[in-house]
Amino acid sequence: MVTPQPNLKTDRLLLRPFTLADAPLVQRFMEDGAIAHTARSIPYPYEDGMAEQWIATHAPDYEAGVAVVYAIALQNHTLIGAVGLTLSPADACAELGYWVGQPYWGQGYATEATQRLIQFGFESLMLNRIYATCLARNSASARVLQKSGMTYEGCLKQHVCHRGKLEDLEQYALLKQNYDIRSLV
């Protein structure tokens, strides 16, 4: 029997499973392309129905033990973004990914959500390593990863073709042995 995906809380946020009712707002966040401009895995243009298709994958992926995706919501339940882990159970590691809607940029929400998900990954999912990549030009994402306790591991030169242009990726990671929740406060 699979344990239901728990809600996670922080001082300002609620991390909860997405529902199909979230799809219209996800669609609105993606329409201007600002998030897709700095995120490798988000398509642009973001077509009608894509949000519903994406949300429909979350529960089966969680049940299969290959991913855990959370809606980032304010305490008043306003959806502002997403944060997730793509799991590799055989390796006890996961790749962290996130996005926050443009109206909520620069307010520390991404850092707060990633820190809480990292805690969940190490303490509940028993991961040994959590890593993330960001486009080298995305200094805001690099700061989120650093503030979340991750260490810069290197730059993968011209590693991805993003929107028709070869781009460098920076990689960050955190090992459980170096994780200390107290240092993230």
C-alpha atoms as a PDB file:
ATOM      1  CA  MET A   1       0.000   0.000   0.000  1.00  0.00           C
ATOM      2  CA  VAL A   2       1.322   3.426  -0.963  1.00  0.00           C
ATOM      3  CA  THR A   3       1.304   6.110   1.715  1.00  0.00           C
ATOM      4  CA  PRO A   4      -0.649   9.182   0.568  1.00  0.00           C
ATOM      5  CA  GLN A   5       1.514  12.144  -0.397  1.00  0.00           C
ATOM      6  CA  PRO A   6       1.655  14.331   2.713  1.00  0.00           C
ATOM      7  CA  ASN A   7       1.233  18.085   2.786  1.00  0.00           C
ATOM      8  CA  LEU A   8       4.352  19.961   3.880  1.00  0.00           C
ATOM      9  CA  LYS A   9       4.377  23.337   5.618  1.00  0.00           C
ATOM     10  CA  THR A  10       6.798  26.183   6.128  1.00  0.00           C
ATOM     11  CA  ASP A  11       6.356  29.509   7.897  1.00  0.00           C
ATOM     12  CA  ARG A  12       4.726  31.066   4.830  1.00  0.00           C
ATOM     13  CA  LEU A  13       3.901  28.193   2.509  1.00  0.00           C
ATOM     14  CA  LEU A  14       1.880  25.049   2.085  1.00  0.00           C
ATOM     15  CA  LEU A  15       3.287  22.393  -0.227  1.00  0.00           C
ATOM     16  CA  ARG A  16       0.417  20.182  -1.337  1.00  0.00           C
ATOM     17  CA  PRO A  17      -0.380  17.813  -4.191  1.00  0.00           C
ATOM     18  CA  PHE A  18      -1.713  19.519  -7.316  1.00  0.00           C
ATOM     19  CA  THR A  19      -5.338  19.044  -8.306  1.00  0.00           C
ATOM     20  CA  LEU A  20      -6.908  19.509 -11.718  1.00  0.00           C
ATOM     21  CA  ALA A  21      -8.526  22.664 -10.338  1.00  0.00           C
ATOM     22  CA  ASP A  22      -4.998  24.194 -10.377  1.00  0.00           C
ATOM     23  CA  ALA A  23      -4.651  23.768 -14.150  1.00  0.00           C
ATOM     24  CA  PRO A  24      -6.106  27.154 -15.218  1.00  0.00           C
ATOM     25  CA  LEU A  25      -3.690  29.067 -12.987  1.00  0.00           C
ATOM     26  CA  VAL A  26      -0.724  26.936 -14.107  1.00  0.00           C
ATOM     27  CA  GLN A  27      -1.756  27.755 -17.687  1.00  0.00           C
ATOM     28  CA  ARG A  28      -1.868  31.495 -16.891  1.00  0.00           C
ATOM     29  CA  PHE A  29       1.581  31.429 -15.262  1.00  0.00           C
ATOM     30  CA  MET A  30       3.041  29.792 -18.368  1.00  0.00           C
ATOM     31  CA  GLU A  31       1.369  31.956 -21.022  1.00  0.00           C
ATOM     32  CA  ASP A  32       3.871  34.832 -21.071  1.00  0.00           C
ATOM     33  CA  GLY A  33       6.895  32.558 -21.415  1.00  0.00           C
ATOM     34  CA  ALA A  34       8.947  34.142 -18.596  1.00  0.00           C
ATOM     35  CA  ILE A  35       9.214  30.845 -16.708  1.00  0.00           C
ATOM     36  CA  ALA A  36       9.964  28.808 -19.847  1.00  0.00           C
ATOM     37  CA  HIS A  37      12.703  31.303 -20.769  1.00  0.00           C
ATOM     38  CA  THR A  38      14.801  30.108 -17.826  1.00  0.00           C
ATOM     39  CA  ALA A  39      13.490  26.548 -17.307  1.00  0.00           C
ATOM     40  CA  ARG A  40      14.642  23.735 -19.575  1.00  0.00           C
ATOM     41  CA  SER A  41      11.705  21.379 -19.175  1.00  0.00           C
ATOM     42  CA  ILE A  42       8.774  23.763 -19.584  1.00  0.00           C
ATOM     43  CA  PRO A  43       7.453  23.995 -23.138  1.00  0.00           C
ATOM     44  CA  TYR A  44       6.634  27.273 -24.809  1.00  0.00           C
ATOM     45  CA  PRO A  45       4.207  28.093 -26.152  1.00  0.00           C
ATOM     46  CA  TYR A  46       2.264  26.363 -23.407  1.00  0.00           C
ATOM     47  CA  GLU A  47      -0.748  24.919 -25.207  1.00  0.00           C
ATOM     48  CA  ASP A  48      -4.244  24.408 -23.811  1.00  0.00           C
ATOM     49  CA  GLY A  49      -4.500  21.077 -22.011  1.00  0.00           C
ATOM     50  CA  MET A  50      -0.800  20.842 -21.138  1.00  0.00           C
ATOM     51  CA  ALA A  51      -1.378  21.777 -17.496  1.00  0.00           C
ATOM     52  CA  GLU A  52      -4.032  19.086 -17.096  1.00  0.00           C
ATOM     53  CA  GLN A  53      -1.777  16.489 -18.754  1.00  0.00           C
ATOM     54  CA  TRP A  54       1.137  17.448 -16.503  1.00  0.00           C
ATOM     55  CA  ILE A  55      -0.945  17.369 -13.311  1.00  0.00           C
ATOM     56  CA  ALA A  56      -2.409  13.968 -14.297  1.00  0.00           C
ATOM     57  CA  THR A  57       1.103  12.443 -14.165  1.00  0.00           C
ATOM     58  CA  HIS A  58       1.765  13.412 -10.543  1.00  0.00           C
ATOM     59  CA  ALA A  59      -0.250  10.805  -8.612  1.00  0.00           C
ATOM     60  CA  PRO A  60       0.852   7.828 -10.759  1.00  0.00           C
ATOM     61  CA  ASP A  61       4.501   8.961 -10.590  1.00  0.00           C
ATOM     62  CA  TYR A  62       4.272   9.322  -6.792  1.00  0.00           C
ATOM     63  CA  GLU A  63       2.647   5.900  -6.445  1.00  0.00           C
ATOM     64  CA  ALA A  64       5.355   4.378  -8.664  1.00  0.00           C
ATOM     65  CA  GLY A  65       8.052   6.001  -6.528  1.00  0.00           C
ATOM     66  CA  VAL A  66       9.625   7.905  -9.408  1.00  0.00           C
ATOM     67  CA  ALA A  67       8.619  11.485  -8.574  1.00  0.00           C
ATOM     68  CA  VAL A  68       7.038  13.707  -5.973  1.00  0.00           C
ATOM     69  CA  VAL A  69       5.608  17.029  -7.155  1.00  0.00           C
ATOM     70  CA  TYR A  70       4.075  19.701  -4.962  1.00  0.00           C
ATOM     71  CA  ALA A  71       2.058  22.816  -5.618  1.00  0.00           C
ATOM     72  CA  ILE A  72       3.628  25.750  -3.791  1.00  0.00           C
ATOM     73  CA  ALA A  73       0.803  27.692  -2.175  1.00  0.00           C
ATOM     74  CA  LEU A  74       0.650  30.596   0.213  1.00  0.00           C
ATOM     75  CA  GLN A  75      -0.977  29.888   3.575  1.00  0.00           C
ATOM     76  CA  ASN A  76      -4.225  31.287   2.119  1.00  0.00           C
ATOM     77  CA  HIS A  77      -4.001  28.461  -0.494  1.00  0.00           C
ATOM     78  CA  THR A  78      -3.114  30.771  -3.423  1.00  0.00           C
ATOM     79  CA  LEU A  79      -1.073  28.713  -5.901  1.00  0.00           C
ATOM     80  CA  ILE A  80       2.252  30.378  -6.719  1.00  0.00           C
ATOM     81  CA  GLY A  81       4.428  27.615  -8.200  1.00  0.00           C
ATOM     82  CA  ALA A  82       5.683  24.051  -8.125  1.00  0.00           C
ATOM     83  CA  VAL A  83       8.553  22.105  -6.603  1.00  0.00           C
ATOM     84  CA  GLY A  84       9.438  18.471  -7.112  1.00  0.00           C
ATOM     85  CA  LEU A  85      11.912  15.653  -6.996  1.00  0.00           C
ATOM     86  CA  THR A  86      12.528  13.159  -9.793  1.00  0.00           C
ATOM     87  CA  LEU A  87      13.571  10.071  -7.860  1.00  0.00           C
ATOM     88  CA  SER A  88      16.177   7.446  -8.640  1.00  0.00           C
ATOM     89  CA  PRO A  89      15.466   4.935  -5.844  1.00  0.00           C
ATOM     90  CA  ALA A  90      18.242   2.531  -6.868  1.00  0.00           C
ATOM     91  CA  ASP A  91      20.764   5.342  -6.435  1.00  0.00           C
ATOM     92  CA  ALA A  92      19.092   6.978  -3.381  1.00  0.00           C
ATOM     93  CA  CYS A  93      19.189  10.301  -5.195  1.00  0.00           C
ATOM     94  CA  ALA A  94      16.825  12.763  -6.799  1.00  0.00           C
ATOM     95  CA  GLU A  95      16.864  15.756  -9.107  1.00  0.00           C
ATOM     96  CA  LEU A  96      15.201  18.865  -7.713  1.00  0.00           C
ATOM     97  CA  GLY A  97      13.181  21.169  -9.917  1.00  0.00           C
ATOM     98  CA  TYR A  98      10.910  24.121  -9.269  1.00  0.00           C
ATOM     99  CA  TRP A  99       9.221  27.154 -10.740  1.00  0.00           C
ATOM    100  CA  VAL A 100       7.455  30.138  -9.238  1.00  0.00           C
ATOM    101  CA  GLY A 101       4.976  32.394 -11.023  1.00  0.00           C
ATOM    102  CA  GLN A 102       6.493  35.701 -12.099  1.00  0.00           C
ATOM    103  CA  PRO A 103       4.367  37.865  -9.745  1.00  0.00           C
ATOM    104  CA  TYR A 104       6.009  36.004  -6.830  1.00  0.00           C
ATOM    105  CA  TRP A 105       9.654  36.248  -7.928  1.00  0.00           C
ATOM    106  CA  GLY A 106      12.214  37.766  -5.582  1.00  0.00           C
ATOM    107  CA  GLN A 107      10.282  37.105  -2.374  1.00  0.00           C
ATOM    108  CA  GLY A 108      12.150  34.017  -1.144  1.00  0.00           C
ATOM    109  CA  TYR A 109       9.341  31.575  -1.895  1.00  0.00           C
ATOM    110  CA  ALA A 110      11.445  29.321  -4.156  1.00  0.00           C
ATOM    111  CA  THR A 111      14.157  29.023  -1.512  1.00  0.00           C
ATOM    112  CA  GLU A 112      11.646  28.311   1.244  1.00  0.00           C
ATOM    113  CA  ALA A 113       9.927  25.611  -0.836  1.00  0.00           C
ATOM    114  CA  THR A 114      13.156  23.945  -1.973  1.00  0.00           C
ATOM    115  CA  GLN A 115      14.539  23.882   1.564  1.00  0.00           C
ATOM    116  CA  ARG A 116      11.392  22.165   2.820  1.00  0.00           C
ATOM    117  CA  LEU A 117      11.403  19.621  -0.009  1.00  0.00           C
ATOM    118  CA  ILE A 118      15.083  18.874   0.579  1.00  0.00           C
ATOM    119  CA  GLN A 119      14.248  18.220   4.238  1.00  0.00           C
ATOM    120  CA  PHE A 120      11.447  15.856   3.161  1.00  0.00           C
ATOM    121  CA  GLY A 121      13.789  14.122   0.698  1.00  0.00           C
ATOM    122  CA  PHE A 122      16.462  13.402   3.274  1.00  0.00           C
ATOM    123  CA  GLU A 123      14.293  12.752   6.319  1.00  0.00           C
ATOM    124  CA  SER A 124      11.255  10.970   4.832  1.00  0.00           C
ATOM    125  CA  LEU A 125      12.345   9.608   1.449  1.00  0.00           C
ATOM    126  CA  MET A 126      15.734   8.554   2.824  1.00  0.00           C
ATOM    127  CA  LEU A 127      17.678  10.032  -0.069  1.00  0.00           C
ATOM    128  CA  ASN A 128      21.451  10.300   0.060  1.00  0.00           C
ATOM    129  CA  ARG A 129      21.923  12.944  -2.659  1.00  0.00           C
ATOM    130  CA  ILE A 130      19.764  15.710  -4.089  1.00  0.00           C
ATOM    131  CA  TYR A 131      21.011  17.620  -7.114  1.00  0.00           C
ATOM    132  CA  ALA A 132      19.747  20.307  -9.470  1.00  0.00           C
ATOM    133  CA  THR A 133      20.823  22.063 -12.623  1.00  0.00           C
ATOM    134  CA  CYS A 134      20.074  25.514 -13.938  1.00  0.00           C
ATOM    135  CA  LEU A 135      20.955  27.404 -17.072  1.00  0.00           C
ATOM    136  CA  ALA A 136      24.225  29.216 -16.383  1.00  0.00           C
ATOM    137  CA  ARG A 137      22.610  32.569 -17.227  1.00  0.00           C
ATOM    138  CA  ASN A 138      19.931  32.008 -14.568  1.00  0.00           C
ATOM    139  CA  SER A 139      21.697  33.575 -11.591  1.00  0.00           C
ATOM    140  CA  ALA A 140      18.442  33.778  -9.595  1.00  0.00           C
ATOM    141  CA  SER A 141      18.063  29.994  -9.720  1.00  0.00           C
ATOM    142  CA  ALA A 142      21.702  29.515  -8.782  1.00  0.00           C
ATOM    143  CA  ARG A 143      21.130  31.692  -5.696  1.00  0.00           C
ATOM    144  CA  VAL A 144      18.061  29.629  -4.714  1.00  0.00           C
ATOM    145  CA  LEU A 145      20.096  26.434  -4.923  1.00  0.00           C
ATOM    146  CA  GLN A 146      22.972  27.924  -2.912  1.00  0.00           C
ATOM    147  CA  LYS A 147      20.599  29.245  -0.233  1.00  0.00           C
ATOM    148  CA  SER A 148      19.059  25.772  -0.107  1.00  0.00           C
ATOM    149  CA  GLY A 149      22.407  24.370   0.996  1.00  0.00           C
ATOM    150  CA  MET A 150      23.580  22.989  -2.313  1.00  0.00           C
ATOM    151  CA  THR A 151      27.187  23.158  -3.440  1.00  0.00           C
ATOM    152  CA  TYR A 152      28.269  24.121  -6.944  1.00  0.00           C
ATOM    153  CA  GLU A 153      29.690  21.032  -8.674  1.00  0.00           C
ATOM    154  CA  GLY A 154      30.574  22.452 -12.049  1.00  0.00           C
ATOM    155  CA  CYS A 155      29.503  23.782 -15.406  1.00  0.00           C
ATOM    156  CA  LEU A 156      28.452  21.519 -18.254  1.00  0.00           C
ATOM    157  CA  LYS A 157      29.483  23.505 -21.328  1.00  0.00           C
ATOM    158  CA  GLN A 158      26.925  23.764 -24.141  1.00  0.00           C
ATOM    159  CA  HIS A 159      25.101  20.821 -22.577  1.00  0.00           C
ATOM    160  CA  VAL A 160      21.548  21.605 -23.676  1.00  0.00           C
ATOM    161  CA  CYS A 161      19.840  23.157 -26.650  1.00  0.00           C
ATOM    162  CA  HIS A 162      17.305  25.544 -25.141  1.00  0.00           C
ATOM    163  CA  ARG A 163      15.000  27.400 -27.518  1.00  0.00           C
ATOM    164  CA  GLY A 164      17.380  26.695 -30.415  1.00  0.00           C
ATOM    165  CA  LYS A 165      20.555  27.849 -28.653  1.00  0.00           C
ATOM    166  CA  LEU A 166      23.280  25.736 -27.031  1.00  0.00           C
ATOM    167  CA  GLU A 167      23.565  26.695 -23.370  1.00  0.00           C
ATOM    168  CA  ASP A 168      25.734  25.857 -20.397  1.00  0.00           C
ATOM    169  CA  LEU A 169      24.245  24.157 -17.343  1.00  0.00           C
ATOM    170  CA  GLU A 170      25.459  24.642 -13.807  1.00  0.00           C
ATOM    171  CA  GLN A 171      25.088  21.694 -11.461  1.00  0.00           C
ATOM    172  CA  TYR A 172      24.552  21.871  -7.702  1.00  0.00           C
ATOM    173  CA  ALA A 173      24.114  19.088  -5.152  1.00  0.00           C
ATOM    174  CA  LEU A 174      23.742  18.317  -1.474  1.00  0.00           C
ATOM    175  CA  LEU A 175      24.614  15.056   0.270  1.00  0.00           C
ATOM    176  CA  LYS A 176      22.709  13.873   3.296  1.00  0.00           C
ATOM    177  CA  GLN A 177      25.938  13.828   5.327  1.00  0.00           C
ATOM    178  CA  ASN A 178      26.328  17.569   4.656  1.00  0.00           C
ATOM    179  CA  TYR A 179      22.684  18.424   5.238  1.00  0.00           C
ATOM    180  CA  ASP A 180      21.881  20.437   8.342  1.00  0.00           C
ATOM    181  CA  ILE A 181      18.411  21.910   8.637  1.00  0.00           C
ATOM    182  CA  ARG A 182      19.675  24.408  11.216  1.00  0.00           C
ATOM    183  CA  SER A 183      22.049  26.005   8.718  1.00  0.00           C
ATOM    184  CA  LEU A 184      19.185  26.774   6.321  1.00  0.00           C
ATOM    185  CA  VAL A 185      17.141  28.914   8.697  1.00  0.00           C
END
